[in-house]
N, C-alpha and C. Protein backbone atom coordinates (compact mmCIF):
# COMPACT_ATOMS: atom_id res chain seq x y z
N MET A 1 0.87 -1.09 -0.04
CA MET A 1 0.04 0.09 0.08
C MET A 1 0.85 1.29 -0.06
N GLU A 2 0.70 2.28 -0.85
CA GLU A 2 1.42 3.24 -1.11
C GLU A 2 0.82 4.55 -0.14
N LEU A 3 1.54 5.15 0.69
CA LEU A 3 0.99 6.34 1.49
C LEU A 3 0.99 7.57 0.86
N LYS A 4 0.02 8.25 0.76
CA LYS A 4 0.22 9.76 0.13
C LYS A 4 0.64 10.49 1.21
N LYS A 5 1.05 11.71 1.04
CA LYS A 5 1.90 12.56 1.94
C LYS A 5 0.73 12.89 3.07
N TRP A 6 -0.52 13.18 2.88
CA TRP A 6 -1.35 13.55 3.87
C TRP A 6 -1.79 12.40 4.87
N GLU A 7 -1.54 11.25 4.36
CA GLU A 7 -1.87 10.05 5.02
C GLU A 7 -0.57 9.75 6.11
N ILE A 8 0.67 10.06 5.67
CA ILE A 8 1.71 9.97 6.60
C ILE A 8 1.55 10.78 7.80
N GLY A 9 1.09 12.02 7.65
CA GLY A 9 0.95 12.81 8.66
C GLY A 9 -0.05 12.34 9.85
N LYS A 10 -0.96 11.21 9.37
CA LYS A 10 -1.73 10.79 10.39
C LYS A 10 -0.85 9.88 11.61
N PHE A 11 0.23 9.57 11.15
CA PHE A 11 1.16 8.85 12.23
C PHE A 11 2.01 9.71 13.06
N LYS A 12 1.76 11.15 12.88
CA LYS A 12 2.47 11.97 13.81
C LYS A 12 2.27 11.60 15.24
N ASN A 13 3.35 11.41 16.06
CA ASN A 13 3.33 11.32 17.46
C ASN A 13 3.89 12.63 18.00
N GLN A 14 3.21 13.13 19.01
CA GLN A 14 3.63 14.38 19.71
C GLN A 14 4.89 14.25 20.32
N ASP A 15 5.29 13.25 20.70
CA ASP A 15 6.66 12.98 21.53
C ASP A 15 7.83 12.59 20.58
N LEU A 16 7.52 11.81 19.67
CA LEU A 16 8.60 11.13 18.82
C LEU A 16 8.97 12.04 17.52
N THR A 17 7.86 12.84 17.15
CA THR A 17 8.14 13.60 15.87
C THR A 17 9.43 14.54 15.89
N PRO A 18 9.48 15.35 16.91
CA PRO A 18 10.66 16.31 16.98
C PRO A 18 12.03 15.69 16.90
N SER A 19 12.15 14.48 17.63
CA SER A 19 13.42 13.99 17.72
C SER A 19 13.68 13.19 16.43
N THR A 20 12.87 12.48 15.91
CA THR A 20 13.01 11.85 14.56
C THR A 20 13.16 13.01 13.49
N SER A 21 12.65 14.01 13.51
CA SER A 21 12.69 14.93 12.44
C SER A 21 14.05 15.49 12.37
N LEU A 22 14.73 15.69 13.72
CA LEU A 22 16.05 16.26 13.77
C LEU A 22 17.04 15.15 13.14
N LEU A 23 16.81 14.03 13.26
CA LEU A 23 17.79 12.92 12.65
C LEU A 23 17.54 12.70 11.38
N LEU A 24 16.30 12.82 10.86
CA LEU A 24 16.01 12.35 9.52
C LEU A 24 16.41 13.49 8.36
N THR A 25 16.25 14.83 9.01
CA THR A 25 16.53 15.91 8.18
C THR A 25 18.02 16.24 8.17
N GLY A 26 18.68 15.72 9.08
CA GLY A 26 20.20 15.99 9.18
C GLY A 26 20.54 17.12 10.01
N LEU A 27 19.47 17.87 10.57
CA LEU A 27 19.79 18.95 11.48
C LEU A 27 20.64 18.56 12.78
N LYS A 28 20.58 17.29 13.13
CA LYS A 28 21.44 16.90 14.14
C LYS A 28 22.25 15.66 13.85
N PRO A 29 23.20 15.89 13.04
CA PRO A 29 23.94 14.72 12.62
C PRO A 29 24.62 14.01 13.60
N LEU A 30 24.40 12.73 13.86
CA LEU A 30 25.11 12.08 15.01
C LEU A 30 25.94 10.78 14.50
N GLY A 31 25.86 10.70 13.27
CA GLY A 31 26.47 9.28 12.82
C GLY A 31 25.59 8.22 13.13
N TYR A 32 26.32 6.99 13.72
CA TYR A 32 25.51 5.85 13.97
C TYR A 32 25.46 5.75 15.52
N GLU A 33 24.40 6.09 15.88
CA GLU A 33 24.18 6.10 17.50
C GLU A 33 22.91 5.31 17.77
N ILE A 34 22.81 4.62 18.85
CA ILE A 34 21.59 3.89 19.19
C ILE A 34 21.11 4.89 20.26
N ILE A 35 19.72 5.25 20.11
CA ILE A 35 19.06 6.25 20.86
C ILE A 35 17.64 5.75 21.30
N ASN A 36 17.40 5.43 22.40
CA ASN A 36 16.01 5.03 22.93
C ASN A 36 15.09 6.17 22.97
N LEU A 37 13.98 6.11 22.33
CA LEU A 37 12.73 7.22 22.50
C LEU A 37 11.71 6.23 22.97
N GLY A 38 11.43 6.74 24.17
CA GLY A 38 10.12 6.09 24.82
C GLY A 38 9.92 6.57 26.29
N SER A 39 9.41 5.75 27.08
CA SER A 39 9.08 6.34 28.29
C SER A 39 10.24 5.75 29.36
N ASP A 40 10.63 6.60 30.36
CA ASP A 40 11.58 6.09 31.34
C ASP A 40 10.71 5.62 32.51
N GLU A 41 9.39 5.45 32.36
CA GLU A 41 8.78 4.88 33.48
C GLU A 41 8.14 3.59 33.01
N PRO A 42 8.19 2.49 33.73
CA PRO A 42 7.48 1.22 33.37
C PRO A 42 5.90 1.42 33.33
N VAL A 43 5.30 0.75 32.60
CA VAL A 43 3.71 0.47 32.61
C VAL A 43 3.38 -0.86 32.82
N VAL A 44 2.39 -1.11 33.67
CA VAL A 44 1.70 -2.44 33.84
C VAL A 44 0.79 -2.72 32.82
N LEU A 45 1.09 -3.85 32.09
CA LEU A 45 0.18 -4.16 30.96
C LEU A 45 -1.23 -4.19 31.22
N THR A 46 -1.67 -4.78 32.41
CA THR A 46 -3.12 -4.91 32.86
C THR A 46 -3.67 -3.46 32.88
N GLU A 47 -2.97 -2.47 33.57
CA GLU A 47 -3.34 -1.06 33.60
C GLU A 47 -3.58 -0.62 32.50
N ALA A 48 -2.64 -0.75 31.38
CA ALA A 48 -2.89 -0.18 30.02
C ALA A 48 -4.19 -0.72 29.45
N ILE A 49 -4.34 -1.85 29.55
CA ILE A 49 -5.58 -2.74 28.90
C ILE A 49 -6.76 -2.04 29.48
N HIS A 50 -6.75 -1.82 30.89
CA HIS A 50 -8.00 -1.28 31.48
C HIS A 50 -8.37 0.10 31.09
N MET A 51 -7.14 0.88 30.78
CA MET A 51 -7.39 2.17 30.24
C MET A 51 -7.95 2.21 28.93
N ILE A 52 -7.51 1.33 28.06
CA ILE A 52 -8.10 1.34 26.79
C ILE A 52 -9.54 0.68 26.80
N GLU A 53 -9.90 -0.20 27.71
CA GLU A 53 -11.21 -0.61 27.85
C GLU A 53 -12.13 0.34 28.24
N ASN A 54 -11.70 1.25 29.24
CA ASN A 54 -12.46 2.42 29.57
C ASN A 54 -12.65 3.46 28.47
N LEU A 55 -11.78 3.72 27.73
CA LEU A 55 -11.83 4.70 26.55
C LEU A 55 -12.79 4.16 25.48
N VAL A 56 -12.69 2.77 25.22
CA VAL A 56 -13.51 2.33 24.03
C VAL A 56 -14.93 1.83 24.63
N GLY A 57 -14.95 1.68 25.92
CA GLY A 57 -16.28 1.15 26.39
C GLY A 57 -16.56 -0.15 26.19
N LYS A 58 -15.37 -1.02 26.03
CA LYS A 58 -15.67 -2.46 25.79
C LYS A 58 -14.60 -3.31 26.71
N LYS A 59 -15.03 -4.43 27.12
CA LYS A 59 -14.19 -5.26 27.95
C LYS A 59 -13.11 -6.21 27.06
N ALA A 60 -11.88 -6.15 27.25
CA ALA A 60 -10.96 -7.02 26.45
C ALA A 60 -11.25 -8.45 26.77
N LYS A 61 -10.94 -9.23 25.78
CA LYS A 61 -10.95 -10.69 26.17
C LYS A 61 -9.63 -11.22 26.27
N ILE A 62 -9.29 -11.50 27.51
CA ILE A 62 -7.78 -11.63 27.88
C ILE A 62 -7.70 -13.27 28.09
N GLU A 63 -6.78 -13.76 27.64
CA GLU A 63 -6.34 -15.21 27.85
C GLU A 63 -4.97 -15.17 28.48
N TYR A 64 -5.15 -15.53 29.82
CA TYR A 64 -3.87 -15.58 30.46
C TYR A 64 -2.94 -16.94 30.25
N LEU A 65 -1.72 -16.94 29.82
CA LEU A 65 -0.96 -17.97 29.53
C LEU A 65 0.28 -18.02 30.41
N PRO A 66 0.85 -19.26 30.53
CA PRO A 66 2.14 -19.15 31.41
C PRO A 66 3.16 -18.38 30.96
N ARG A 67 3.89 -17.72 31.89
CA ARG A 67 4.93 -16.80 31.42
C ARG A 67 6.03 -17.52 30.50
N HIS A 68 6.39 -17.00 29.47
CA HIS A 68 7.50 -17.41 28.74
C HIS A 68 8.88 -17.10 29.52
N PRO A 69 9.79 -18.34 29.32
CA PRO A 69 11.14 -18.14 29.94
C PRO A 69 11.92 -16.73 29.61
N ALA A 70 11.67 -16.15 28.42
CA ALA A 70 12.45 -15.11 28.00
C ALA A 70 11.87 -13.70 28.32
N ASP A 71 10.46 -13.84 28.83
CA ASP A 71 9.96 -12.70 29.46
C ASP A 71 10.70 -12.02 30.50
N VAL A 72 10.66 -10.67 30.65
CA VAL A 72 11.29 -10.02 31.65
C VAL A 72 10.04 -9.45 32.55
N SER A 73 10.44 -9.16 33.75
CA SER A 73 9.39 -8.71 34.81
C SER A 73 8.96 -7.34 34.45
N ALA A 74 10.02 -6.46 34.14
CA ALA A 74 9.73 -5.11 33.77
C ALA A 74 10.72 -4.50 32.83
N THR A 75 10.28 -3.61 32.01
CA THR A 75 11.19 -3.06 31.01
C THR A 75 10.77 -1.50 30.79
N TRP A 76 11.76 -0.69 30.62
CA TRP A 76 11.60 0.74 30.13
C TRP A 76 12.76 1.29 29.48
N ALA A 77 12.57 2.35 28.78
CA ALA A 77 13.70 2.71 27.91
C ALA A 77 14.66 3.72 28.85
N ASP A 78 15.84 3.51 28.47
CA ASP A 78 16.95 4.43 29.08
C ASP A 78 17.11 5.69 28.13
N ILE A 79 16.45 6.62 28.45
CA ILE A 79 16.49 7.72 27.46
C ILE A 79 17.67 8.73 27.78
N GLY A 80 18.59 8.38 28.42
CA GLY A 80 19.65 9.26 28.80
C GLY A 80 20.46 9.87 27.64
N ARG A 81 20.59 9.07 26.45
CA ARG A 81 21.07 9.43 25.26
C ARG A 81 20.22 10.44 24.62
N ALA A 82 19.05 10.09 24.63
CA ALA A 82 18.08 10.98 23.88
C ALA A 82 18.14 12.31 24.48
N GLU A 83 18.26 12.45 25.79
CA GLU A 83 18.19 13.76 26.42
C GLU A 83 19.50 14.39 26.21
N LYS A 84 20.74 13.73 26.25
CA LYS A 84 21.96 14.30 26.01
C LYS A 84 22.22 14.73 24.71
N LEU A 85 21.95 13.76 23.69
CA LEU A 85 22.35 14.08 22.33
C LEU A 85 21.40 14.88 21.48
N LEU A 86 20.05 14.85 21.86
CA LEU A 86 18.96 15.40 21.18
C LEU A 86 18.30 16.55 21.88
N GLY A 87 18.54 16.51 23.15
CA GLY A 87 17.65 17.39 24.19
C GLY A 87 16.28 17.03 24.23
N TRP A 88 16.09 15.50 24.13
CA TRP A 88 14.47 15.02 24.18
C TRP A 88 14.32 14.33 25.33
N SER A 89 13.02 14.49 25.79
CA SER A 89 12.56 13.74 26.88
C SER A 89 10.92 13.67 26.57
N PRO A 90 10.05 12.65 27.12
CA PRO A 90 8.85 12.67 26.89
C PRO A 90 8.15 13.93 27.36
N ARG A 91 7.23 14.45 26.55
CA ARG A 91 6.38 15.54 26.94
C ARG A 91 5.00 15.27 27.34
N ILE A 92 4.54 14.02 26.89
CA ILE A 92 3.19 13.62 27.32
C ILE A 92 3.16 12.33 28.04
N SER A 93 2.28 12.10 28.90
CA SER A 93 2.10 11.02 29.71
C SER A 93 1.69 9.76 28.95
N PHE A 94 1.86 8.71 29.43
CA PHE A 94 1.42 7.43 28.83
C PHE A 94 -0.16 7.38 28.67
N GLU A 95 -0.81 8.07 29.67
CA GLU A 95 -2.16 8.14 29.75
C GLU A 95 -2.71 9.09 28.56
N GLU A 96 -2.09 10.13 28.38
CA GLU A 96 -2.36 10.94 27.27
C GLU A 96 -2.05 10.36 25.88
N GLY A 97 -1.00 9.56 25.94
CA GLY A 97 -0.61 8.98 24.67
C GLY A 97 -1.88 7.92 24.28
N ILE A 98 -2.14 7.25 25.30
CA ILE A 98 -3.30 6.05 25.05
C ILE A 98 -4.48 6.68 24.46
N LYS A 99 -4.87 7.85 25.17
CA LYS A 99 -6.12 8.59 24.91
C LYS A 99 -5.93 9.00 23.31
N ASN A 100 -4.70 9.65 22.99
CA ASN A 100 -4.57 10.04 21.48
C ASN A 100 -4.58 9.03 20.63
N LEU A 101 -4.20 7.76 21.04
CA LEU A 101 -4.07 6.58 20.18
C LEU A 101 -5.42 6.14 19.88
N VAL A 102 -6.24 6.02 20.91
CA VAL A 102 -7.69 5.51 20.80
C VAL A 102 -8.46 6.65 20.05
N TYR A 103 -8.31 7.85 20.12
CA TYR A 103 -8.90 8.86 19.11
C TYR A 103 -8.53 8.75 17.91
N TRP A 104 -7.22 8.60 17.67
CA TRP A 104 -6.79 8.54 16.23
C TRP A 104 -7.44 7.25 15.59
N TYR A 105 -7.29 6.15 16.34
CA TYR A 105 -7.85 5.07 15.64
C TYR A 105 -9.53 5.00 15.40
N THR A 106 -10.24 5.77 16.34
CA THR A 106 -11.65 5.91 15.99
C THR A 106 -11.95 6.69 14.89
N GLU A 107 -11.00 7.80 14.68
CA GLU A 107 -11.33 8.70 13.60
C GLU A 107 -10.70 8.22 12.27
N ASN A 108 -10.02 7.17 12.44
CA ASN A 108 -9.14 6.62 11.18
C ASN A 108 -9.64 5.05 10.96
N ARG A 109 -10.60 4.62 11.59
CA ARG A 109 -10.80 3.27 11.61
C ARG A 109 -10.94 2.70 10.26
N ASN A 110 -11.77 3.51 9.41
CA ASN A 110 -12.00 2.87 7.99
C ASN A 110 -10.61 2.80 7.35
N TRP A 111 -9.83 3.73 7.47
CA TRP A 111 -8.45 3.63 6.65
C TRP A 111 -7.69 2.58 7.45
N ALA A 112 -7.56 2.40 8.78
CA ALA A 112 -6.80 1.56 9.43
C ALA A 112 -6.94 0.23 9.01
N LYS A 113 -8.33 -0.19 8.81
CA LYS A 113 -8.48 -1.51 8.60
C LYS A 113 -8.07 -2.23 7.35
N ASN A 114 -7.65 -1.26 6.52
CA ASN A 114 -7.16 -1.67 5.11
C ASN A 114 -5.57 -1.79 5.16
N VAL A 115 -5.03 -1.42 6.41
CA VAL A 115 -3.59 -1.67 6.37
C VAL A 115 -3.22 -3.14 6.43
N ASP A 116 -2.22 -3.46 5.54
CA ASP A 116 -1.67 -4.96 5.47
C ASP A 116 -0.93 -5.14 6.68
N THR A 117 -1.25 -6.13 7.61
CA THR A 117 -0.46 -6.43 8.79
C THR A 117 0.17 -7.80 8.68
N ASP A 118 0.05 -8.35 7.38
CA ASP A 118 0.86 -9.68 7.33
C ASP A 118 2.10 -9.33 6.86
N ILE A 119 3.10 -9.57 7.81
CA ILE A 119 4.58 -9.29 7.46
C ILE A 119 5.39 -10.56 7.48
């Protein structure tokens, strides 16, 4: 599926766009650096699911399975390099990001249902 210019704008993320724009446009040339862009605060998955349930007004169908041996108990991004090299840190909370995601999806549901996810 080819994305038109106006469609690409639909993917804009309030937190990530400024940092990726700096890198992609060469305004902040860094060479080859690994930089985490994300939250430096862990989120409990069940809390995130409940947030989405409340926003969409539906209950998720959850199937609990045994934990995979490779699963970690907690994970979050170390954003130290992003702060140091890009002057970047998250500007919106996880909760606000989830609200924005749900709003975007409800506004673009007809378009999103046609996105090929078979990778």
